[in-house]
N, C-alpha and C. Protein backbone atom coordinates (compact mmCIF):
# COMPACT_ATOMS: atom_id res chain seq x y z
N MET A 1 116.18 100.76 104.33
CA MET A 1 115.76 99.98 102.98
C MET A 1 115.49 98.41 103.31
N LEU A 2 116.51 97.67 104.05
CA LEU A 2 116.37 96.42 104.43
C LEU A 2 115.26 95.79 105.79
N ILE A 3 115.17 96.69 106.32
CA ILE A 3 113.87 96.59 107.24
C ILE A 3 112.72 96.72 106.50
N ASP A 4 112.56 97.54 105.71
CA ASP A 4 111.49 97.64 104.94
C ASP A 4 111.04 96.65 103.92
N ALA A 5 112.14 95.96 103.64
CA ALA A 5 112.19 94.84 102.35
C ALA A 5 111.58 93.67 103.20
N GLN A 6 112.40 93.57 104.48
CA GLN A 6 111.61 92.16 105.26
C GLN A 6 110.80 92.37 105.68
N ASN A 7 110.02 93.56 106.20
CA ASN A 7 108.63 93.65 106.70
C ASN A 7 108.21 93.46 105.35
N GLU A 8 108.15 93.63 104.01
CA GLU A 8 107.39 93.73 102.56
C GLU A 8 107.55 91.83 102.61
N LEU A 9 108.69 91.33 102.67
CA LEU A 9 109.02 89.81 102.65
C LEU A 9 107.68 89.25 103.63
N ASP A 10 108.05 89.52 104.79
CA ASP A 10 107.00 89.10 105.86
C ASP A 10 105.34 89.34 105.36
N GLN A 11 104.93 90.23 104.85
CA GLN A 11 103.80 90.35 104.45
C GLN A 11 103.55 89.18 103.06
N VAL A 12 104.43 89.48 102.28
CA VAL A 12 103.94 88.75 101.10
C VAL A 12 103.92 87.32 101.34
N ARG A 13 104.73 86.85 102.38
CA ARG A 13 104.76 85.27 102.77
C ARG A 13 103.38 85.42 103.47
N ALA A 14 103.07 86.27 104.43
CA ALA A 14 101.67 86.03 105.10
C ALA A 14 100.36 85.84 104.22
N ASP A 15 100.59 86.87 102.97
CA ASP A 15 99.52 86.86 101.99
C ASP A 15 99.59 85.35 101.09
N LEU A 16 100.52 84.79 101.04
CA LEU A 16 100.99 83.71 100.08
C LEU A 16 99.99 82.68 101.04
N ARG A 17 100.49 82.77 102.08
CA ARG A 17 99.91 81.56 103.09
C ARG A 17 98.14 81.68 103.30
N ALA A 18 97.98 82.93 103.02
CA ALA A 18 96.34 83.03 103.40
C ALA A 18 95.74 82.68 102.06
N LEU A 19 96.28 82.85 101.25
CA LEU A 19 95.72 82.50 99.69
C LEU A 19 95.47 80.99 99.53
N PHE A 20 96.85 80.38 100.29
CA PHE A 20 97.09 78.61 100.08
C PHE A 20 95.91 78.17 100.84
N GLU A 21 95.45 78.52 101.90
CA GLU A 21 94.29 78.25 102.79
C GLU A 21 92.99 78.27 102.05
N ILE A 22 92.85 79.14 101.04
CA ILE A 22 91.43 79.08 100.52
C ILE A 22 91.53 78.21 98.87
N VAL A 23 92.90 78.40 98.65
CA VAL A 23 92.34 77.51 96.91
C VAL A 23 92.64 76.27 96.90
N PRO A 24 91.75 75.42 96.17
CA PRO A 24 91.87 74.19 96.52
C PRO A 24 93.54 73.15 96.48
N TRP A 25 93.27 72.08 97.21
CA TRP A 25 94.82 71.53 97.16
C TRP A 25 95.44 71.32 95.94
N SER A 26 95.12 71.20 94.72
CA SER A 26 95.89 71.00 93.88
C SER A 26 95.69 71.99 92.65
N VAL A 27 96.83 72.46 92.04
CA VAL A 27 96.73 73.68 91.03
C VAL A 27 95.75 73.17 89.88
N GLU A 28 96.25 71.70 89.35
CA GLU A 28 95.41 71.36 88.51
C GLU A 28 94.31 70.51 88.78
N PRO A 29 93.23 70.37 88.27
CA PRO A 29 91.71 69.36 88.43
C PRO A 29 92.32 68.24 88.91
N MET A 30 91.99 67.73 89.75
CA MET A 30 92.01 66.28 90.02
C MET A 30 91.26 65.57 90.94
N ASP A 31 90.89 64.10 90.53
CA ASP A 31 90.28 63.37 91.17
C ASP A 31 90.47 63.01 92.50
N ALA A 32 89.42 63.03 93.28
CA ALA A 32 89.78 62.53 94.74
C ALA A 32 90.75 61.08 94.97
N TRP A 33 91.19 60.95 95.77
CA TRP A 33 92.02 59.85 96.22
C TRP A 33 92.35 59.57 97.90
N LYS A 34 92.43 58.26 97.93
CA LYS A 34 92.80 57.66 99.07
C LYS A 34 93.34 56.53 99.45
N THR A 35 94.39 56.42 100.32
CA THR A 35 95.40 55.43 100.31
C THR A 35 94.83 53.97 100.63
N HIS A 36 95.32 53.03 100.45
CA HIS A 36 94.18 51.48 100.26
C HIS A 36 94.07 51.57 102.18
N GLU A 37 93.43 50.59 102.17
CA GLU A 37 93.39 50.40 104.04
C GLU A 37 94.15 50.08 104.66
N ASN A 38 94.95 49.09 104.01
CA ASN A 38 96.50 48.89 105.36
C ASN A 38 97.45 49.78 105.12
N ALA A 39 97.16 51.01 104.78
CA ALA A 39 98.40 51.76 104.50
C ALA A 39 99.26 52.27 105.72
N TRP A 40 100.21 52.05 106.11
CA TRP A 40 100.90 52.75 106.98
C TRP A 40 100.05 53.90 107.75
N ARG A 41 100.34 54.92 106.72
CA ARG A 41 99.58 56.41 106.98
C ARG A 41 98.70 56.61 106.28
N PRO A 42 97.38 56.22 106.32
CA PRO A 42 96.28 56.55 105.89
C PRO A 42 95.76 57.85 105.18
N ALA A 43 95.56 58.45 104.14
CA ALA A 43 95.67 59.69 103.70
C ALA A 43 94.47 59.56 102.59
N SER A 44 93.79 60.70 102.51
CA SER A 44 92.64 61.25 101.37
C SER A 44 92.66 62.33 101.08
N ARG A 45 92.11 62.69 99.77
CA ARG A 45 91.57 64.17 99.21
C ARG A 45 90.40 64.18 98.72
N PRO A 46 89.54 64.90 99.00
CA PRO A 46 88.57 65.19 97.90
C PRO A 46 88.87 65.72 96.69
N ALA A 47 88.06 65.42 95.81
CA ALA A 47 88.26 66.20 94.03
C ALA A 47 88.35 67.30 94.05
N SER A 48 89.45 67.94 93.46
CA SER A 48 89.81 69.45 93.54
C SER A 48 89.81 69.91 91.96
N PRO A 49 89.07 71.04 91.85
CA PRO A 49 88.57 71.69 90.54
C PRO A 49 90.13 72.44 89.96
N GLY A 50 90.81 72.49 90.76
CA GLY A 50 92.52 73.21 90.28
C GLY A 50 92.22 74.48 90.59
N TRP A 51 93.20 75.44 90.63
CA TRP A 51 93.10 76.93 90.88
C TRP A 51 92.40 77.75 89.68
N GLY A 52 91.77 78.72 89.97
CA GLY A 52 91.52 79.36 88.87
C GLY A 52 92.41 80.45 88.15
N PRO A 53 91.90 80.97 87.40
CA PRO A 53 93.35 81.52 86.72
C PRO A 53 93.53 82.72 87.55
N GLU A 54 92.70 83.53 88.25
CA GLU A 54 92.91 84.49 88.87
C GLU A 54 93.96 84.39 90.20
N ASP A 55 93.51 83.34 90.87
CA ASP A 55 94.36 82.40 92.15
C ASP A 55 95.93 82.24 91.07
N ALA A 56 95.73 81.49 90.52
CA ALA A 56 97.15 81.10 89.78
C ALA A 56 97.81 82.50 89.69
N ALA A 57 97.18 83.40 88.99
CA ALA A 57 98.24 84.79 88.87
C ALA A 57 98.36 85.44 89.61
N GLU A 58 97.82 85.45 90.98
CA GLU A 58 98.21 85.80 91.88
C GLU A 58 99.27 85.13 93.06
N ILE A 59 99.10 84.12 92.90
CA ILE A 59 100.09 82.92 93.88
C ILE A 59 101.16 83.24 92.42
N ALA A 60 101.31 83.20 91.43
CA ALA A 60 102.70 83.41 90.68
C ALA A 60 103.62 85.03 90.90
N ARG A 61 102.09 86.14 91.33
CA ARG A 61 102.40 87.62 91.41
C ARG A 61 103.40 87.41 92.72
N LEU A 62 102.94 86.51 93.66
CA LEU A 62 103.23 86.84 95.19
C LEU A 62 104.62 86.21 95.23
N ARG A 63 104.73 84.99 94.48
CA ARG A 63 105.84 84.34 94.70
C ARG A 63 107.33 85.19 93.83
N ALA A 64 106.80 85.31 93.04
CA ALA A 64 107.84 86.32 92.19
C ALA A 64 108.45 87.22 92.89
N ARG A 65 107.46 87.94 93.35
CA ARG A 65 107.94 89.03 94.48
C ARG A 65 108.70 88.53 95.64
N GLU A 66 108.22 87.38 96.33
CA GLU A 66 109.04 86.89 97.17
C GLU A 66 110.41 86.71 96.78
N LEU A 67 110.63 86.10 95.85
CA LEU A 67 111.98 85.80 95.27
C LEU A 67 112.52 86.96 95.29
N GLU A 68 112.06 88.07 94.49
CA GLU A 68 112.89 89.39 94.23
C GLU A 68 113.46 89.93 96.02
N LEU A 69 112.29 89.82 96.83
CA LEU A 69 112.68 90.11 97.78
C LEU A 69 113.73 89.69 98.87
N ALA A 70 113.77 88.02 98.59
CA ALA A 70 114.46 87.26 99.24
C ALA A 70 115.89 87.82 98.86
N GLU A 71 115.92 87.48 97.65
CA GLU A 71 117.24 87.83 96.67
C GLU A 71 118.21 89.17 97.09
N LEU A 72 117.19 90.29 97.63
CA LEU A 72 117.70 91.58 97.88
C LEU A 72 117.95 91.89 98.96
N LEU A 73 117.47 91.05 100.04
CA LEU A 73 117.94 90.83 101.35
C LEU A 73 119.69 89.64 101.54
N VAL A 74 119.39 89.04 101.03
CA VAL A 74 120.32 87.84 100.70
C VAL A 74 122.06 88.25 100.45
N CYS A 75 121.49 89.07 99.15
CA CYS A 75 122.52 89.50 98.43
C CYS A 75 122.98 91.21 98.44
N HIS A 76 122.50 91.62 99.51
CA HIS A 76 122.90 93.03 99.43
C HIS A 76 123.87 93.42 99.99
N GLN A 77 124.65 94.61 99.57
CA GLN A 77 126.04 94.98 99.89
C GLN A 77 126.41 95.12 101.46
N TYR A 78 125.41 95.37 102.09
CA TYR A 78 125.37 95.88 103.79
C TYR A 78 125.80 94.77 104.37
N TRP A 79 125.74 93.56 103.92
CA TRP A 79 126.57 92.15 104.73
C TRP A 79 127.77 91.97 104.57
N THR A 80 128.18 92.71 103.50
CA THR A 80 129.94 92.49 103.48
C THR A 80 130.62 93.80 104.45
N GLU A 81 129.89 94.14 105.21
CA GLU A 81 130.56 95.19 106.21
C GLU A 81 130.58 94.28 107.50
N PHE A 82 130.03 93.20 107.74
CA PHE A 82 130.50 91.74 108.98
C PHE A 82 131.32 90.91 108.52
N ALA A 83 131.89 90.48 109.68
CA ALA A 83 132.95 89.29 109.51
C ALA A 83 132.16 88.19 109.13
N PRO A 84 132.77 87.00 108.44
CA PRO A 84 131.72 86.32 107.65
C PRO A 84 131.30 85.28 108.80
N GLY A 85 131.84 85.32 110.04
CA GLY A 85 131.07 84.68 111.15
C GLY A 85 129.96 85.03 111.68
N ASP A 86 129.77 86.54 111.64
CA ASP A 86 129.08 87.48 112.47
C ASP A 86 127.91 87.77 111.18
N VAL A 87 127.56 87.57 109.86
CA VAL A 87 126.80 87.59 108.74
C VAL A 87 125.63 86.90 109.16
N GLN A 88 125.52 85.68 109.47
CA GLN A 88 124.22 85.11 110.13
C GLN A 88 123.21 85.33 110.84
N ALA A 89 124.17 85.69 112.15
CA ALA A 89 123.25 86.84 113.56
C ALA A 89 122.90 87.93 112.89
N ALA A 90 123.57 88.85 112.09
CA ALA A 90 122.97 89.73 111.67
C ALA A 90 121.85 89.61 110.90
N ARG A 91 121.61 88.58 109.79
CA ARG A 91 120.99 88.59 108.98
C ARG A 91 119.40 88.08 110.02
N ASP A 92 120.08 86.96 111.24
CA ASP A 92 118.71 86.69 111.98
C ASP A 92 118.32 87.75 112.76
N ALA A 93 118.79 88.96 112.92
CA ALA A 93 118.49 89.90 113.75
C ALA A 93 117.56 90.94 112.85
N LEU A 94 117.98 90.72 111.44
CA LEU A 94 117.01 91.48 110.69
C LEU A 94 115.70 90.92 110.61
N LYS A 95 115.81 89.32 110.24
CA LYS A 95 114.64 88.65 110.11
C LYS A 95 113.59 88.88 111.32
N HIS A 96 114.10 88.92 112.65
CA HIS A 96 113.42 88.92 113.73
C HIS A 96 113.27 90.18 114.41
N HIS A 97 113.57 91.12 113.61
CA HIS A 97 113.58 92.71 114.38
C HIS A 97 112.13 93.25 114.92
N ARG A 98 111.35 92.74 114.56
CA ARG A 98 110.02 92.95 115.21
C ARG A 98 109.85 92.54 116.22
N GLU A 99 110.37 91.35 116.95
CA GLU A 99 110.53 90.62 118.30
C GLU A 99 111.43 91.27 119.11
N GLN A 100 112.37 92.23 118.50
CA GLN A 100 113.29 92.80 119.08
C GLN A 100 113.11 94.29 119.91
N GLU A 101 112.05 94.51 118.96
CA GLU A 101 111.67 96.08 119.39
C GLU A 101 110.57 96.17 120.59
N PRO A 102 110.79 97.26 121.45
CA PRO A 102 110.40 97.25 122.42
C PRO A 102 108.82 97.36 122.23
N ALA A 103 107.69 96.52 123.11
CA ALA A 103 106.49 96.87 123.14
C ALA A 103 105.72 98.41 123.04
N SER A 104 104.89 99.05 122.31
CA SER A 104 104.80 99.96 122.76
C SER A 104 103.60 100.12 123.78
N THR A 105 103.27 101.15 124.21
CA THR A 105 102.50 101.13 125.62
C THR A 105 101.27 102.13 124.83
N ALA A 106 100.08 101.35 125.38
CA ALA A 106 98.69 102.02 124.59
C ALA A 106 97.99 103.31 125.52
N SER A 107 97.47 104.11 125.29
CA SER A 107 97.01 104.66 126.65
C SER A 107 95.46 104.86 126.63
């Protein structure tokens, strides 16, 4: 159950990252801007039309699911089986369980 929840959390976060790559940089419509010419770190952004309602709804849905899964993983009764000093290592092992699995061999 926890492995499935961790896998789904990883997928939800990947979906959010992919969506953030394609939506405009600003949630609301925003004019273009740039820092003044003597700025320590020059920056600028093009005008943004804002997020469309479909994108905003999908991001809200994914964020809500991300929160549900994170809460499930962090607050699960399973962690009470560990000594307080060992909980973090066990959570890290769950988070990185795919890296610990042996590589499958392709025929």
